[in-house]
Amino acid sequence: MKSSHRVLRVAELIQKEIAQYLIHGAKDSRIGFVTVTGAKVTGDLQIARIYFTVYGTDKEKEISTLALNESIKEIRRHLAMTLNLRFTPELEFYFDEKLEENLRLEKIFHQIAKK
């Protein structure tokens, strides 16, 4: 099994590289205001779970999520060319609900503070 330090380092590299790719290299215009919020790689480095959020309406979120999932092969190919890994993990994208939850909580706390 790979050391946890290496797994964390690979996850960090993948997160940064995908974020840069989405900003500068993504060809799909449907990938709108996507922010990569995290990445977790399995201990065997076979699967990378990429967490993201999208700023916009529910429809924009749906469109961007679909575009990301349709771009997995392209993104993975980019990772293979830019990262010095023996094997490029399979990618899985997950919408990160934490940001929206935090915004809802902030609104609630703000309303409570007003009262």
C-alpha atoms as a PDB file:
ATOM      1  CA  MET A   1       0.000   0.000   0.000  1.00  0.00           C
ATOM      2  CA  LYS A   2       1.201   3.524  -0.797  1.00  0.00           C
ATOM      3  CA  SER A   3       2.191   5.815   2.030  1.00  0.00           C
ATOM      4  CA  SER A   4      -0.477   8.247   3.124  1.00  0.00           C
ATOM      5  CA  HIS A   5       1.950  11.129   2.484  1.00  0.00           C
ATOM      6  CA  ARG A   6       2.262  10.131  -1.178  1.00  0.00           C
ATOM      7  CA  VAL A   7      -1.513   9.726  -1.536  1.00  0.00           C
ATOM      8  CA  LEU A   8      -2.083  13.212  -0.103  1.00  0.00           C
ATOM      9  CA  ARG A   9       0.611  14.675  -2.344  1.00  0.00           C
ATOM     10  CA  VAL A  10      -0.878  13.067  -5.459  1.00  0.00           C
ATOM     11  CA  ALA A  11      -4.359  14.316  -4.491  1.00  0.00           C
ATOM     12  CA  GLU A  12      -3.013  17.837  -4.073  1.00  0.00           C
ATOM     13  CA  LEU A  13      -1.218  17.727  -7.437  1.00  0.00           C
ATOM     14  CA  ILE A  14      -4.324  16.457  -9.187  1.00  0.00           C
ATOM     15  CA  GLN A  15      -6.525  19.101  -7.562  1.00  0.00           C
ATOM     16  CA  LYS A  16      -4.197  21.930  -8.595  1.00  0.00           C
ATOM     17  CA  GLU A  17      -3.697  20.636 -12.120  1.00  0.00           C
ATOM     18  CA  ILE A  18      -7.411  20.139 -12.769  1.00  0.00           C
ATOM     19  CA  ALA A  19      -8.169  23.617 -11.406  1.00  0.00           C
ATOM     20  CA  GLN A  20      -5.556  25.129 -13.731  1.00  0.00           C
ATOM     21  CA  TYR A  21      -6.834  23.096 -16.650  1.00  0.00           C
ATOM     22  CA  LEU A  22     -10.413  24.253 -16.100  1.00  0.00           C
ATOM     23  CA  ILE A  23      -9.252  27.871 -16.048  1.00  0.00           C
ATOM     24  CA  HIS A  24      -6.864  27.770 -19.002  1.00  0.00           C
ATOM     25  CA  GLY A  25      -7.378  24.649 -21.079  1.00  0.00           C
ATOM     26  CA  ALA A  26     -10.959  23.434 -20.963  1.00  0.00           C
ATOM     27  CA  LYS A  27     -12.523  23.509 -24.396  1.00  0.00           C
ATOM     28  CA  ASP A  28     -16.114  23.006 -23.248  1.00  0.00           C
ATOM     29  CA  SER A  29     -17.759  26.403 -22.757  1.00  0.00           C
ATOM     30  CA  ARG A  30     -20.429  24.782 -20.551  1.00  0.00           C
ATOM     31  CA  ILE A  31     -17.839  24.467 -17.798  1.00  0.00           C
ATOM     32  CA  GLY A  32     -18.682  27.790 -16.246  1.00  0.00           C
ATOM     33  CA  PHE A  33     -17.723  29.088 -12.866  1.00  0.00           C
ATOM     34  CA  VAL A  34     -16.397  25.779 -11.569  1.00  0.00           C
ATOM     35  CA  THR A  35     -14.130  25.786  -8.535  1.00  0.00           C
ATOM     36  CA  VAL A  36     -12.266  22.642  -7.544  1.00  0.00           C
ATOM     37  CA  THR A  37     -12.599  22.441  -3.768  1.00  0.00           C
ATOM     38  CA  GLY A  38     -10.782  19.195  -3.060  1.00  0.00           C
ATOM     39  CA  ALA A  39      -9.476  15.878  -4.246  1.00  0.00           C
ATOM     40  CA  LYS A  40      -9.171  12.503  -2.565  1.00  0.00           C
ATOM     41  CA  VAL A  41      -7.211   9.627  -4.022  1.00  0.00           C
ATOM     42  CA  THR A  42      -7.667   6.020  -3.007  1.00  0.00           C
ATOM     43  CA  GLY A  43      -4.733   4.354  -1.273  1.00  0.00           C
ATOM     44  CA  ASP A  44      -3.866   2.358  -4.390  1.00  0.00           C
ATOM     45  CA  LEU A  45      -3.904   5.577  -6.491  1.00  0.00           C
ATOM     46  CA  GLN A  46      -6.460   4.055  -8.861  1.00  0.00           C
ATOM     47  CA  ILE A  47      -9.336   6.511  -8.332  1.00  0.00           C
ATOM     48  CA  ALA A  48      -9.339  10.257  -7.739  1.00  0.00           C
ATOM     49  CA  ARG A  49     -12.526  11.804  -6.407  1.00  0.00           C
ATOM     50  CA  ILE A  50     -12.652  15.457  -7.382  1.00  0.00           C
ATOM     51  CA  TYR A  51     -14.916  17.773  -5.417  1.00  0.00           C
ATOM     52  CA  PHE A  52     -16.145  20.976  -7.019  1.00  0.00           C
ATOM     53  CA  THR A  53     -18.678  23.730  -6.685  1.00  0.00           C
ATOM     54  CA  VAL A  54     -20.330  25.960  -9.260  1.00  0.00           C
ATOM     55  CA  TYR A  55     -21.369  29.549  -8.735  1.00  0.00           C
ATOM     56  CA  GLY A  56     -24.656  30.164 -10.482  1.00  0.00           C
ATOM     57  CA  THR A  57     -28.218  28.993 -10.783  1.00  0.00           C
ATOM     58  CA  ASP A  58     -29.298  25.388 -10.323  1.00  0.00           C
ATOM     59  CA  LYS A  59     -29.515  25.066 -14.115  1.00  0.00           C
ATOM     60  CA  GLU A  60     -25.936  26.363 -14.529  1.00  0.00           C
ATOM     61  CA  LYS A  61     -24.771  23.899 -11.883  1.00  0.00           C
ATOM     62  CA  GLU A  62     -26.477  21.056 -13.726  1.00  0.00           C
ATOM     63  CA  ILE A  63     -24.964  22.080 -17.063  1.00  0.00           C
ATOM     64  CA  SER A  64     -21.445  22.455 -15.631  1.00  0.00           C
ATOM     65  CA  THR A  65     -21.692  19.107 -13.826  1.00  0.00           C
ATOM     66  CA  LEU A  66     -22.743  17.384 -17.032  1.00  0.00           C
ATOM     67  CA  ALA A  67     -19.916  19.060 -18.969  1.00  0.00           C
ATOM     68  CA  LEU A  68     -17.335  18.000 -16.368  1.00  0.00           C
ATOM     69  CA  ASN A  69     -18.471  14.400 -16.509  1.00  0.00           C
ATOM     70  CA  GLU A  70     -18.398  14.452 -20.299  1.00  0.00           C
ATOM     71  CA  SER A  71     -14.844  15.876 -20.204  1.00  0.00           C
ATOM     72  CA  ILE A  72     -13.367  13.201 -17.921  1.00  0.00           C
ATOM     73  CA  LYS A  73     -11.341  11.523 -20.688  1.00  0.00           C
ATOM     74  CA  GLU A  74      -9.942  14.848 -21.877  1.00  0.00           C
ATOM     75  CA  ILE A  75      -9.045  15.933 -18.326  1.00  0.00           C
ATOM     76  CA  ARG A  76      -7.487  12.566 -17.541  1.00  0.00           C
ATOM     77  CA  ARG A  77      -5.425  12.726 -20.743  1.00  0.00           C
ATOM     78  CA  HIS A  78      -4.218  16.178 -19.704  1.00  0.00           C
ATOM     79  CA  LEU A  79      -3.203  14.844 -16.278  1.00  0.00           C
ATOM     80  CA  ALA A  80      -1.316  11.975 -17.915  1.00  0.00           C
ATOM     81  CA  MET A  81       0.664  14.441 -20.018  1.00  0.00           C
ATOM     82  CA  THR A  82       1.439  16.929 -17.236  1.00  0.00           C
ATOM     83  CA  LEU A  83       1.915  14.856 -14.082  1.00  0.00           C
ATOM     84  CA  ASN A  84       4.771  12.452 -13.694  1.00  0.00           C
ATOM     85  CA  LEU A  85       2.709   9.489 -12.505  1.00  0.00           C
ATOM     86  CA  ARG A  86       3.160   5.855 -13.441  1.00  0.00           C
ATOM     87  CA  PHE A  87      -0.619   5.493 -13.660  1.00  0.00           C
ATOM     88  CA  THR A  88      -3.218   8.232 -14.050  1.00  0.00           C
ATOM     89  CA  PRO A  89      -6.176   7.574 -11.744  1.00  0.00           C
ATOM     90  CA  GLU A  90      -9.727   7.251 -12.972  1.00  0.00           C
ATOM     91  CA  LEU A  91     -11.590  10.488 -12.221  1.00  0.00           C
ATOM     92  CA  GLU A  92     -14.908  10.873 -10.463  1.00  0.00           C
ATOM     93  CA  PHE A  93     -16.507  14.297 -10.000  1.00  0.00           C
ATOM     94  CA  TYR A  94     -18.701  15.092  -6.997  1.00  0.00           C
ATOM     95  CA  PHE A  95     -20.575  18.312  -6.321  1.00  0.00           C
ATOM     96  CA  ASP A  96     -19.343  19.756  -3.016  1.00  0.00           C
ATOM     97  CA  GLU A  97     -22.399  20.715  -0.967  1.00  0.00           C
ATOM     98  CA  LYS A  98     -20.374  22.228   1.900  1.00  0.00           C
ATOM     99  CA  LEU A  99     -20.140  25.724   0.421  1.00  0.00           C
ATOM    100  CA  GLU A 100     -23.895  26.013  -0.038  1.00  0.00           C
ATOM    101  CA  GLU A 101     -24.495  24.648   3.451  1.00  0.00           C
ATOM    102  CA  ASN A 102     -22.099  27.232   4.880  1.00  0.00           C
ATOM    103  CA  LEU A 103     -23.845  30.056   3.009  1.00  0.00           C
ATOM    104  CA  ARG A 104     -27.230  28.903   4.343  1.00  0.00           C
ATOM    105  CA  LEU A 105     -25.850  28.812   7.875  1.00  0.00           C
ATOM    106  CA  GLU A 106     -24.351  32.283   7.485  1.00  0.00           C
ATOM    107  CA  LYS A 107     -27.750  33.639   6.428  1.00  0.00           C
ATOM    108  CA  ILE A 108     -29.404  32.035   9.439  1.00  0.00           C
ATOM    109  CA  PHE A 109     -26.771  33.392  11.842  1.00  0.00           C
ATOM    110  CA  HIS A 110     -27.051  36.827  10.250  1.00  0.00           C
ATOM    111  CA  GLN A 111     -30.843  36.796  10.696  1.00  0.00           C
ATOM    112  CA  ILE A 112     -30.471  35.693  14.315  1.00  0.00           C
ATOM    113  CA  ALA A 113     -27.921  38.452  14.979  1.00  0.00           C
ATOM    114  CA  LYS A 114     -30.326  41.046  13.574  1.00  0.00           C
ATOM    115  CA  LYS A 115     -32.983  40.001  16.092  1.00  0.00           C
END
